Amino acid sequence: MKTYQVRTVSLDLAIFSAVVVALSTFKRDSDETFLFTTAQIRPAGILVVVLVWLTAMAVDGAYNIRYLGTGVQEFRIVARASFRAFLMLCLLALVTNVHPPRINLFLGWLVSLVTVTLGRKFLQVRIHAERRAGKSMRNTLILGTTEYATQMSERLLDETDLGLKPVGQLPIDLPDSPLQVNAWIEQLDQSILTQDVKLLIIENSQVANADLLSKLSWHLNTREVEMLVAPTFLNQFGPRLEFVPHAELALVYLDEPRLTLGDRLVKRFVDILLATFAVVVLLPFMLVIAVGVFVSSPGPIFFIQDRVGLAGSRFRFVKFRTMVVGAQNMRQDILGKPDEDMPDRYKSDPRIYPFGRILRRLSLDELPQLFTVIRGKMSLVGPRPLLIEELDLLGDEDHRRHLTKPGLTGLWQINGRKETTWDQRIQLDLDYVHNWSIGLDVGIILRTIKVVLSGHGSY
């Protein structure tokens, strides 16, 4: 399937480039407003148009393996992506004050849509022929009863155009013991590894409940394995996971909540724009704070520490130092493990020197993290980055908080901050990941300003 994906991208690139070059060389003598002319073709302009078109296709999922070769569903995605690319190019022309004839843009959209659709049809015919020969298939493991596995296997073998090759079956017969559940998951892992499984089909049964599927979805998140389940499971999950219908089977893909490419691009653009503006405005103030830290407490101005970032990776976390030197070595003795009394211990933390306490109360010690946001290791809004030693306190599903970048602010900061319990903090982080939107980010930023000015929950 990776080969087919490369073929699709390559063919689209060739078609887009050919269409743009063909239109750019077409010129009427009476029309001098064309974006390109026969006398001077602008390679940069061609490159921009092709990149915008390919980006729109990628963002809409036109190169997602699960949709390639699916017929009508693939054509629908291509049509939607092409129209969005057309609108983006019109907007780009307006913003840059470049005014190509409307007929050029319209013809570019129409001709590209027709030719790309024909190209996809050609590739579909080719891959269907390959699948009938047993090639370009995704190995599929069926979880459920022997009867269900037999029926599903027979259908997949009959309908080779689906591109799913059944390679085995694993019963879902889980006892109540957590150790036995873990043993079953290890058996599943072994089957996935030895048979190069790319997709799981899970039978709808009382045993395959929401808790098991939720655990599996996180467990498989770091592997290139997808899950197909019955639509009846939807009522058990609510907003926790995402569901995408399969093109042919009466099943849905079970996806971890994550930002799409378009979401990430928008979020990254907002991060760079606002963080850069904040740095320009607040830089003189940060210099004053740096002098205050230097004068108030012997030691370095900045506190630098490894924290947990996107997908569990580590990054260098920087803030103005608000505690005495070596405070991190005293953390366990003073604060201990998170519990209901943790907020009281935060309030009387003896490691914080007087000027540092002022900085923490107004959250001014966090300002250097604006540079970390610009570097791309953090976002303005997201779950607060965990300490390395706090990873051991997370349950399996709690790691979903790392599906997005850690934030300078987030739901935890505007809902009590250090006055919340550990469990409440993790739940707020998960709620953010599962329900992210630009509107939610804007609301959190606005509420953060109010919380910072009040100093609520900052110790």
Protein backbone atom coordinates (compact mmCIF):
# COMPACT_ATOMS: atom_id res chain seq x y z
CA MET A 1 0.00 0.00 0.00
CA LYS A 2 2.91 2.36 0.55
CA THR A 3 3.88 1.84 -3.09
CA TYR A 4 0.33 2.65 -4.20
CA GLN A 5 0.41 5.78 -2.03
CA VAL A 6 3.64 6.91 -3.72
CA ARG A 7 2.11 6.25 -7.14
CA THR A 8 -0.92 8.38 -6.26
CA VAL A 9 1.11 11.34 -5.04
CA SER A 10 3.44 11.13 -8.04
CA LEU A 11 0.59 10.96 -10.55
CA ASP A 12 -1.24 13.89 -8.91
CA LEU A 13 1.96 15.93 -8.93
CA ALA A 14 2.51 15.21 -12.62
CA ILE A 15 -1.10 16.06 -13.51
CA PHE A 16 -1.20 19.29 -11.48
CA SER A 17 2.11 20.44 -12.92
CA ALA A 18 1.07 19.64 -16.48
CA VAL A 19 -2.26 21.46 -16.13
CA VAL A 20 -0.69 24.59 -14.59
CA VAL A 21 2.11 24.74 -17.17
CA ALA A 22 -0.38 24.22 -20.00
CA LEU A 23 -2.61 27.04 -18.76
CA SER A 24 0.36 29.30 -18.07
CA THR A 25 1.51 29.06 -21.70
CA PHE A 26 -1.93 29.82 -23.07
CA LYS A 27 -2.26 33.53 -23.87
CA ARG A 28 -4.52 35.61 -26.00
CA ASP A 29 -2.94 38.62 -27.70
CA SER A 30 -5.57 40.97 -26.29
CA ASP A 31 -5.17 39.79 -22.71
CA GLU A 32 -2.10 40.94 -20.77
CA THR A 33 -3.46 40.02 -17.33
CA PHE A 34 -2.59 36.34 -17.35
CA LEU A 35 -0.53 35.17 -14.42
CA PHE A 36 1.91 33.50 -16.83
CA THR A 37 2.80 34.35 -20.44
CA THR A 38 4.48 32.51 -23.28
CA ALA A 39 7.36 34.91 -23.06
CA GLN A 40 8.04 34.36 -19.37
CA ILE A 41 6.75 31.39 -17.40
CA ARG A 42 7.20 32.04 -13.69
CA PRO A 43 8.44 28.84 -12.03
CA ALA A 44 7.78 30.24 -8.55
CA GLY A 45 4.14 30.83 -9.40
CA ILE A 46 3.74 27.34 -10.80
CA LEU A 47 5.36 25.87 -7.69
CA VAL A 48 3.01 27.80 -5.38
CA VAL A 49 -0.10 26.67 -7.25
CA VAL A 50 1.00 23.01 -7.28
CA LEU A 51 1.95 23.07 -3.57
CA VAL A 52 -1.38 24.65 -2.58
CA TRP A 53 -3.25 21.99 -4.56
CA LEU A 54 -1.26 19.08 -3.14
CA THR A 55 -1.56 20.47 0.40
CA ALA A 56 -5.34 20.69 0.09
CA MET A 57 -5.42 17.09 -1.12
CA ALA A 58 -3.26 15.89 1.77
CA VAL A 59 -5.23 17.80 4.40
CA ASP A 60 -8.54 16.34 3.18
CA GLY A 61 -7.15 12.79 3.33
CA ALA A 62 -6.80 12.16 -0.42
CA TYR A 63 -3.55 10.26 0.26
CA ASN A 64 -4.75 8.34 3.32
CA ILE A 65 -4.23 4.62 2.73
CA ARG A 66 -7.68 3.76 4.09
CA TYR A 67 -9.35 5.74 1.27
CA LEU A 68 -7.11 4.83 -1.68
CA GLY A 69 -8.76 2.46 -4.11
CA THR A 70 -12.21 2.78 -2.47
CA GLY A 71 -14.03 4.14 -5.51
CA VAL A 72 -16.79 6.69 -4.87
CA GLN A 73 -15.48 7.71 -1.44
CA GLU A 74 -12.05 8.48 -2.87
CA PHE A 75 -13.57 10.52 -5.73
CA ARG A 76 -15.68 12.48 -3.23
CA ILE A 77 -12.56 13.39 -1.21
CA VAL A 78 -10.68 14.42 -4.37
CA ALA A 79 -13.57 16.65 -5.48
CA ARG A 80 -13.82 18.31 -2.06
CA ALA A 81 -10.06 18.88 -1.85
CA SER A 82 -9.91 20.31 -5.39
CA PHE A 83 -12.66 22.81 -4.63
CA ARG A 84 -10.91 23.90 -1.43
CA ALA A 85 -7.66 24.34 -3.35
CA PHE A 86 -9.53 26.52 -5.87
CA LEU A 87 -10.88 28.71 -3.05
CA MET A 88 -7.44 28.93 -1.40
CA LEU A 89 -5.84 30.07 -4.68
CA CYS A 90 -8.54 32.70 -5.16
CA LEU A 91 -7.90 33.98 -1.63
CA LEU A 92 -4.13 33.90 -2.18
CA ALA A 93 -4.52 35.93 -5.38
CA LEU A 94 -6.61 38.49 -3.49
CA VAL A 95 -4.14 38.78 -0.59
CA THR A 96 -1.05 39.07 -2.82
CA ASN A 97 -2.80 41.48 -5.23
CA VAL A 98 -2.13 39.16 -8.16
CA HIS A 99 -5.06 39.07 -10.55
CA PRO A 100 -5.00 36.18 -12.99
CA PRO A 101 -8.06 35.87 -15.23
CA ARG A 102 -10.90 34.08 -13.54
CA ILE A 103 -11.17 31.78 -16.55
CA ASN A 104 -7.63 30.55 -15.80
CA LEU A 105 -8.50 29.65 -12.21
CA PHE A 106 -11.81 28.07 -13.19
CA LEU A 107 -10.28 26.04 -16.02
CA GLY A 108 -7.42 24.99 -13.74
CA TRP A 109 -9.89 23.68 -11.19
CA LEU A 110 -12.15 21.95 -13.72
CA VAL A 111 -9.38 20.37 -15.81
CA SER A 112 -7.45 19.26 -12.71
CA LEU A 113 -10.55 17.71 -11.17
CA VAL A 114 -11.35 15.74 -14.33
CA THR A 115 -7.79 14.60 -15.04
CA VAL A 116 -7.01 13.68 -11.42
CA THR A 117 -10.26 11.72 -11.19
CA LEU A 118 -9.36 9.84 -14.38
CA GLY A 119 -5.88 9.23 -12.98
CA ARG A 120 -7.33 7.84 -9.75
CA LYS A 121 -9.66 5.59 -11.76
CA PHE A 122 -6.69 4.24 -13.69
CA LEU A 123 -4.84 3.51 -10.43
CA GLN A 124 -7.93 1.88 -8.94
CA VAL A 125 -8.24 -0.50 -11.88
CA ARG A 126 -4.58 -1.34 -11.52
CA ILE A 127 -4.64 -1.95 -7.77
CA HIS A 128 -7.81 -4.06 -8.02
CA ALA A 129 -6.00 -6.27 -10.51
CA GLU A 130 -3.04 -6.51 -8.14
CA ARG A 131 -5.33 -7.42 -5.23
CA ARG A 132 -6.94 -10.21 -7.24
CA ALA A 133 -3.39 -11.52 -7.64
CA GLY A 134 -2.86 -11.31 -3.86
CA LYS A 135 -0.74 -8.16 -3.88
CA SER A 136 -1.17 -4.72 -2.21
CA MET A 137 -3.21 -6.23 0.62
CA ARG A 138 -3.33 -5.25 4.30
CA ASN A 139 -2.98 -8.19 6.68
CA THR A 140 -6.07 -8.33 8.90
CA LEU A 141 -6.52 -10.04 12.27
CA ILE A 142 -10.10 -10.77 13.38
CA LEU A 143 -10.94 -10.61 17.09
CA GLY A 144 -14.04 -12.53 18.08
CA THR A 145 -15.71 -15.92 17.93
CA THR A 146 -14.66 -18.59 15.46
CA GLU A 147 -18.02 -18.31 13.68
CA TYR A 148 -17.68 -14.54 13.22
CA ALA A 149 -14.05 -14.85 12.09
CA THR A 150 -14.98 -17.51 9.53
CA GLN A 151 -17.82 -15.43 8.08
CA MET A 152 -15.74 -12.27 7.91
CA SER A 153 -12.74 -14.11 6.42
CA GLU A 154 -14.91 -15.62 3.68
CA ARG A 155 -16.25 -12.20 2.76
CA LEU A 156 -12.81 -10.58 2.67
CA LEU A 157 -11.47 -13.40 0.50
CA ASP A 158 -14.44 -13.03 -1.89
CA GLU A 159 -14.22 -9.22 -2.06
CA THR A 160 -10.52 -8.75 -2.77
CA ASP A 161 -11.13 -5.15 -3.92
CA LEU A 162 -11.38 -4.23 -0.23
CA GLY A 163 -7.66 -4.91 0.07
CA LEU A 164 -7.96 -6.78 3.38
CA LYS A 165 -6.32 -10.18 3.74
CA PRO A 166 -7.41 -12.25 6.79
CA VAL A 167 -4.35 -13.81 8.41
CA GLY A 168 -5.76 -15.15 11.68
CA GLN A 169 -8.29 -15.03 14.48
CA LEU A 170 -7.99 -14.37 18.20
CA PRO A 171 -10.91 -15.04 20.58
CA ILE A 172 -11.98 -12.32 23.01
CA ASP A 173 -12.38 -14.36 26.17
CA LEU A 174 -11.09 -12.11 28.92
CA PRO A 175 -11.31 -12.99 32.63
CA ASP A 176 -11.60 -10.28 35.26
CA SER A 177 -7.97 -10.51 36.35
CA PRO A 178 -5.85 -7.56 35.10
CA LEU A 179 -2.88 -9.92 34.76
CA GLN A 180 -4.88 -12.16 32.41
CA VAL A 181 -5.99 -9.14 30.39
CA ASN A 182 -2.37 -8.04 30.03
CA ALA A 183 -1.43 -11.58 28.99
CA TRP A 184 -4.12 -11.48 26.29
CA ILE A 185 -2.81 -8.13 25.02
CA GLU A 186 0.72 -9.59 24.90
CA GLN A 187 -0.66 -12.47 22.82
CA LEU A 188 -2.28 -9.91 20.51
CA ASP A 189 1.02 -8.04 20.20
CA GLN A 190 2.78 -11.27 19.27
CA SER A 191 0.20 -12.01 16.55
CA ILE A 192 0.55 -8.48 15.17
CA LEU A 193 4.32 -8.78 15.07
CA THR A 194 4.63 -12.27 13.58
CA GLN A 195 1.93 -11.80 10.94
CA ASP A 196 2.66 -8.15 10.10
CA VAL A 197 -0.93 -7.17 10.92
CA LYS A 198 -2.06 -3.73 9.72
CA LEU A 199 -5.74 -3.86 10.70
CA LEU A 200 -7.92 -5.37 13.43
CA ILE A 201 -11.60 -6.22 12.94
CA ILE A 202 -13.37 -6.60 16.29
CA GLU A 203 -16.65 -8.42 16.71
CA ASN A 204 -19.46 -6.68 18.53
CA SER A 205 -19.98 -8.66 21.74
CA GLN A 206 -20.52 -8.16 25.46
CA VAL A 207 -16.86 -9.04 26.05
CA ALA A 208 -15.56 -6.41 23.62
CA ASN A 209 -16.75 -3.50 25.74
CA ALA A 210 -15.78 0.16 25.59
CA ASP A 211 -13.09 -0.19 28.25
CA LEU A 212 -11.30 -2.91 26.30
CA LEU A 213 -11.49 -1.01 23.00
CA SER A 214 -10.33 2.19 24.65
CA LYS A 215 -7.36 0.34 26.14
CA LEU A 216 -6.56 -1.25 22.77
CA SER A 217 -6.85 2.04 20.89
CA TRP A 218 -4.23 3.64 23.11
CA HIS A 219 -2.05 0.51 23.18
CA LEU A 220 -1.95 0.45 19.36
CA ASN A 221 -1.55 4.20 18.99
CA THR A 222 2.21 4.02 18.45
CA ARG A 223 1.91 1.13 15.96
CA GLU A 224 0.74 1.29 12.36
CA VAL A 225 -2.35 -0.78 13.16
CA GLU A 226 -5.93 0.42 12.61
CA MET A 227 -9.12 -0.86 14.22
CA LEU A 228 -12.51 -1.56 12.65
CA VAL A 229 -15.48 -2.04 14.99
CA ALA A 230 -19.27 -2.24 14.72
CA PRO A 231 -21.16 1.12 14.67
CA THR A 232 -23.12 -0.02 17.74
CA PHE A 233 -20.05 0.74 19.85
CA LEU A 234 -20.47 4.48 19.21
CA ASN A 235 -23.01 4.95 22.00
CA GLN A 236 -20.54 3.54 24.54
CA PHE A 237 -17.77 6.03 23.83
CA GLY A 238 -19.31 9.47 23.42
CA PRO A 239 -16.68 12.08 22.44
CA ARG A 240 -13.65 10.16 23.73
CA LEU A 241 -12.69 8.57 20.39
CA GLU A 242 -13.33 9.38 16.74
CA PHE A 243 -15.17 7.20 14.23
CA VAL A 244 -14.79 7.10 10.43
CA PRO A 245 -17.09 4.81 8.39
CA HIS A 246 -15.47 2.20 6.15
CA ALA A 247 -16.25 2.58 2.45
CA GLU A 248 -17.71 -0.92 1.95
CA LEU A 249 -18.00 -2.80 5.26
CA ALA A 250 -20.65 -2.07 7.90
CA LEU A 251 -17.83 -1.12 10.27
CA VAL A 252 -16.15 2.07 11.41
CA TYR A 253 -12.51 2.94 12.02
CA LEU A 254 -11.74 3.64 15.66
CA ASP A 255 -9.30 6.56 15.84
CA GLU A 256 -7.47 8.28 18.65
CA PRO A 257 -8.47 11.95 18.95
CA ARG A 258 -5.77 13.95 17.24
CA LEU A 259 -5.30 17.16 15.33
CA THR A 260 -5.54 16.87 11.56
CA LEU A 261 -2.84 18.38 9.36
CA GLY A 262 -5.06 21.41 8.79
CA ASP A 263 -5.68 21.79 12.53
CA ARG A 264 -1.96 21.59 13.26
CA LEU A 265 -1.14 24.20 10.61
CA VAL A 266 -3.74 26.62 11.96
CA LYS A 267 -2.67 26.04 15.56
CA ARG A 268 1.01 26.47 14.65
CA PHE A 269 0.29 29.69 12.74
CA VAL A 270 -1.61 31.15 15.71
CA ASP A 271 1.19 30.09 18.09
CA ILE A 272 3.91 31.79 16.02
CA LEU A 273 1.86 34.93 15.45
CA LEU A 274 0.77 35.52 19.06
CA ALA A 275 3.98 34.33 20.70
CA THR A 276 6.14 36.56 18.47
CA PHE A 277 3.90 39.54 19.17
CA ALA A 278 4.06 38.84 22.92
CA VAL A 279 7.87 38.57 22.86
CA VAL A 280 8.23 41.90 21.04
CA VAL A 281 5.90 43.64 23.51
CA LEU A 282 7.18 41.97 26.70
CA LEU A 283 10.93 41.71 26.00
CA PRO A 284 11.84 44.91 27.95
CA PHE A 285 9.74 43.64 30.85
CA MET A 286 11.49 40.26 30.72
CA LEU A 287 14.86 42.00 30.95
CA VAL A 288 13.69 43.79 34.11
CA ILE A 289 12.56 40.44 35.59
CA ALA A 290 15.93 38.88 34.74
CA VAL A 291 17.71 41.65 36.67
CA GLY A 292 15.31 41.15 39.58
CA VAL A 293 16.05 37.40 39.75
CA PHE A 294 19.80 38.05 39.56
CA VAL A 295 19.65 40.53 42.45
CA SER A 296 17.15 38.62 44.62
CA SER A 297 18.70 35.16 44.77
CA PRO A 298 22.21 33.83 44.10
CA GLY A 299 22.34 31.45 41.16
CA PRO A 300 21.33 31.33 37.49
CA ILE A 301 18.57 33.55 36.13
CA PHE A 302 16.81 30.73 34.31
CA PHE A 303 15.65 27.34 35.51
CA ILE A 304 16.10 24.68 32.81
CA GLN A 305 14.65 21.21 33.14
CA ASP A 306 13.67 18.25 30.95
CA ARG A 307 9.90 17.89 30.57
CA VAL A 308 7.59 15.54 28.67
CA GLY A 309 6.35 16.87 25.34
CA LEU A 310 4.46 15.73 22.25
CA ALA A 311 4.17 11.93 21.92
CA GLY A 312 6.16 11.47 25.13
CA SER A 313 9.32 13.10 23.76
CA ARG A 314 11.52 15.20 26.03
CA PHE A 315 12.38 18.85 25.58
CA ARG A 316 14.22 21.60 27.45
CA PHE A 317 11.75 23.54 29.59
CA VAL A 318 12.87 27.10 30.50
CA LYS A 319 11.43 29.57 32.99
CA PHE A 320 12.68 32.30 35.29
CA ARG A 321 14.11 30.72 38.42
CA THR A 322 11.73 31.23 41.37
CA MET A 323 13.27 28.74 43.83
CA VAL A 324 16.60 28.38 45.52
CA VAL A 325 19.33 26.52 43.66
CA GLY A 326 18.90 22.74 43.95
CA ALA A 327 15.18 22.98 44.70
CA GLN A 328 14.39 20.07 42.38
CA ASN A 329 16.39 17.76 44.64
CA MET A 330 14.18 18.73 47.59
CA ARG A 331 10.87 18.19 45.77
CA GLN A 332 10.20 14.66 47.01
CA ASP A 333 10.98 15.52 50.64
CA ILE A 334 8.78 18.63 50.66
CA LEU A 335 5.90 17.82 48.29
CA GLY A 336 5.89 14.02 48.10
CA LYS A 337 3.51 12.25 45.73
CA PRO A 338 0.38 14.01 44.42
CA ASP A 339 -2.61 13.62 46.74
CA GLU A 340 -5.48 15.70 48.15
CA ASP A 341 -3.14 17.64 50.47
CA MET A 342 -0.77 18.68 47.68
CA PRO A 343 -2.28 22.20 47.31
CA ASP A 344 -1.55 22.96 50.99
CA ARG A 345 2.06 21.86 50.59
CA TYR A 346 2.40 24.09 47.53
CA LYS A 347 1.21 27.13 49.49
CA SER A 348 3.92 26.75 52.14
CA ASP A 349 6.76 25.58 49.86
CA PRO A 350 9.96 26.85 51.57
CA ARG A 351 12.04 26.54 48.39
CA ILE A 352 10.49 29.68 46.87
CA TYR A 353 12.36 32.93 47.64
CA PRO A 354 10.31 36.20 48.09
CA PHE A 355 10.74 37.73 44.61
CA GLY A 356 10.17 34.31 43.08
CA ARG A 357 6.86 34.03 44.92
CA ILE A 358 5.72 37.29 43.31
CA LEU A 359 6.71 36.00 39.88
CA ARG A 360 4.84 32.74 40.41
CA ARG A 361 1.71 34.43 41.71
CA LEU A 362 1.48 36.55 38.55
CA SER A 363 2.81 33.71 36.31
CA LEU A 364 5.62 35.98 35.12
CA ASP A 365 8.16 33.17 35.55
CA GLU A 366 6.54 31.44 32.55
CA LEU A 367 7.35 34.21 30.04
CA PRO A 368 10.59 32.60 28.65
CA GLN A 369 8.40 29.73 27.42
CA LEU A 370 7.20 32.06 24.66
CA PHE A 371 10.52 31.33 22.94
CA THR A 372 9.87 27.59 23.36
CA VAL A 373 6.50 28.10 21.66
CA ILE A 374 8.18 29.87 18.74
CA ARG A 375 10.67 26.98 18.49
CA GLY A 376 7.75 24.57 18.18
CA LYS A 377 8.33 22.47 21.31
CA MET A 378 5.30 23.92 23.07
CA SER A 379 2.00 25.55 22.13
CA LEU A 380 0.30 28.56 23.67
CA VAL A 381 -2.54 26.27 24.79
CA GLY A 382 -2.32 22.62 25.76
CA PRO A 383 -1.75 20.24 28.69
CA ARG A 384 0.88 21.46 31.14
CA PRO A 385 4.21 19.63 30.48
CA LEU A 386 4.82 16.90 33.04
CA LEU A 387 7.97 16.26 35.02
CA ILE A 388 9.83 13.14 33.90
CA GLU A 389 9.25 11.46 37.27
CA GLU A 390 5.49 12.08 36.99
CA LEU A 391 5.19 9.72 34.03
CA ASP A 392 5.01 6.74 36.38
CA LEU A 393 1.81 8.20 37.88
CA LEU A 394 -0.09 8.00 34.58
CA GLY A 395 -2.43 5.18 33.63
CA ASP A 396 -2.39 3.75 30.10
CA GLU A 397 -5.15 6.04 28.81
CA ASP A 398 -3.73 9.09 30.59
CA HIS A 399 -0.92 9.18 28.02
CA ARG A 400 -3.47 10.54 25.55
CA ARG A 401 -2.61 13.96 26.99
CA HIS A 402 0.62 13.70 24.95
CA LEU A 403 -1.24 13.51 21.63
CA THR A 404 -0.83 17.29 21.41
CA LYS A 405 1.97 19.68 22.34
CA PRO A 406 2.16 20.86 25.96
CA GLY A 407 0.93 24.39 26.50
CA LEU A 408 1.90 27.61 28.19
CA THR A 409 -1.67 27.65 29.46
CA GLY A 410 -4.61 25.25 29.38
CA LEU A 411 -7.75 24.02 31.08
CA TRP A 412 -5.78 23.16 34.22
CA GLN A 413 -4.46 26.71 34.58
CA ILE A 414 -7.90 28.31 34.30
CA ASN A 415 -9.67 25.78 36.56
CA GLY A 416 -7.85 26.12 39.85
CA ARG A 417 -4.31 25.21 38.85
CA LYS A 418 -2.47 23.97 41.95
CA GLU A 419 -5.73 23.90 43.91
CA THR A 420 -6.88 20.92 41.81
CA THR A 421 -6.07 17.31 42.64
CA TRP A 422 -3.83 15.17 40.44
CA ASP A 423 -6.80 13.22 39.03
CA GLN A 424 -8.67 16.43 38.25
CA ARG A 425 -5.62 17.83 36.47
CA ILE A 426 -5.23 14.75 34.26
CA GLN A 427 -8.94 14.72 33.46
CA LEU A 428 -8.79 18.38 32.39
CA ASP A 429 -5.84 17.58 30.14
CA LEU A 430 -7.74 14.68 28.54
CA ASP A 431 -10.83 16.84 28.10
CA TYR A 432 -8.73 19.37 26.19
CA VAL A 433 -7.22 16.75 23.88
CA HIS A 434 -10.60 15.17 23.15
CA ASN A 435 -12.44 18.46 22.51
CA TRP A 436 -9.82 20.72 20.91
CA SER A 437 -10.93 23.56 18.67
CA ILE A 438 -9.67 27.03 17.78
CA GLY A 439 -12.61 28.46 19.71
CA LEU A 440 -11.59 26.51 22.80
CA ASP A 441 -8.01 27.84 22.53
CA VAL A 442 -9.24 31.42 22.21
CA GLY A 443 -11.52 30.99 25.22
CA ILE A 444 -8.69 29.56 27.32
CA ILE A 445 -6.33 32.41 26.39
CA LEU A 446 -8.93 35.04 27.34
CA ARG A 447 -9.70 33.32 30.65
CA THR A 448 -5.97 32.95 31.34
CA ILE A 449 -5.58 36.72 31.33
CA LYS A 450 -8.25 37.00 34.01
CA VAL A 451 -6.77 34.18 36.10
CA VAL A 452 -3.24 35.61 35.88
CA LEU A 453 -4.40 39.03 37.05
CA SER A 454 -6.22 37.46 40.01
CA GLY A 455 -3.32 35.12 40.88
CA HIS A 456 -5.82 32.35 41.64
CA GLY A 457 -4.18 28.97 42.18
CA SER A 458 -0.59 30.26 41.70
CA TYR A 459 1.87 29.53 44.49
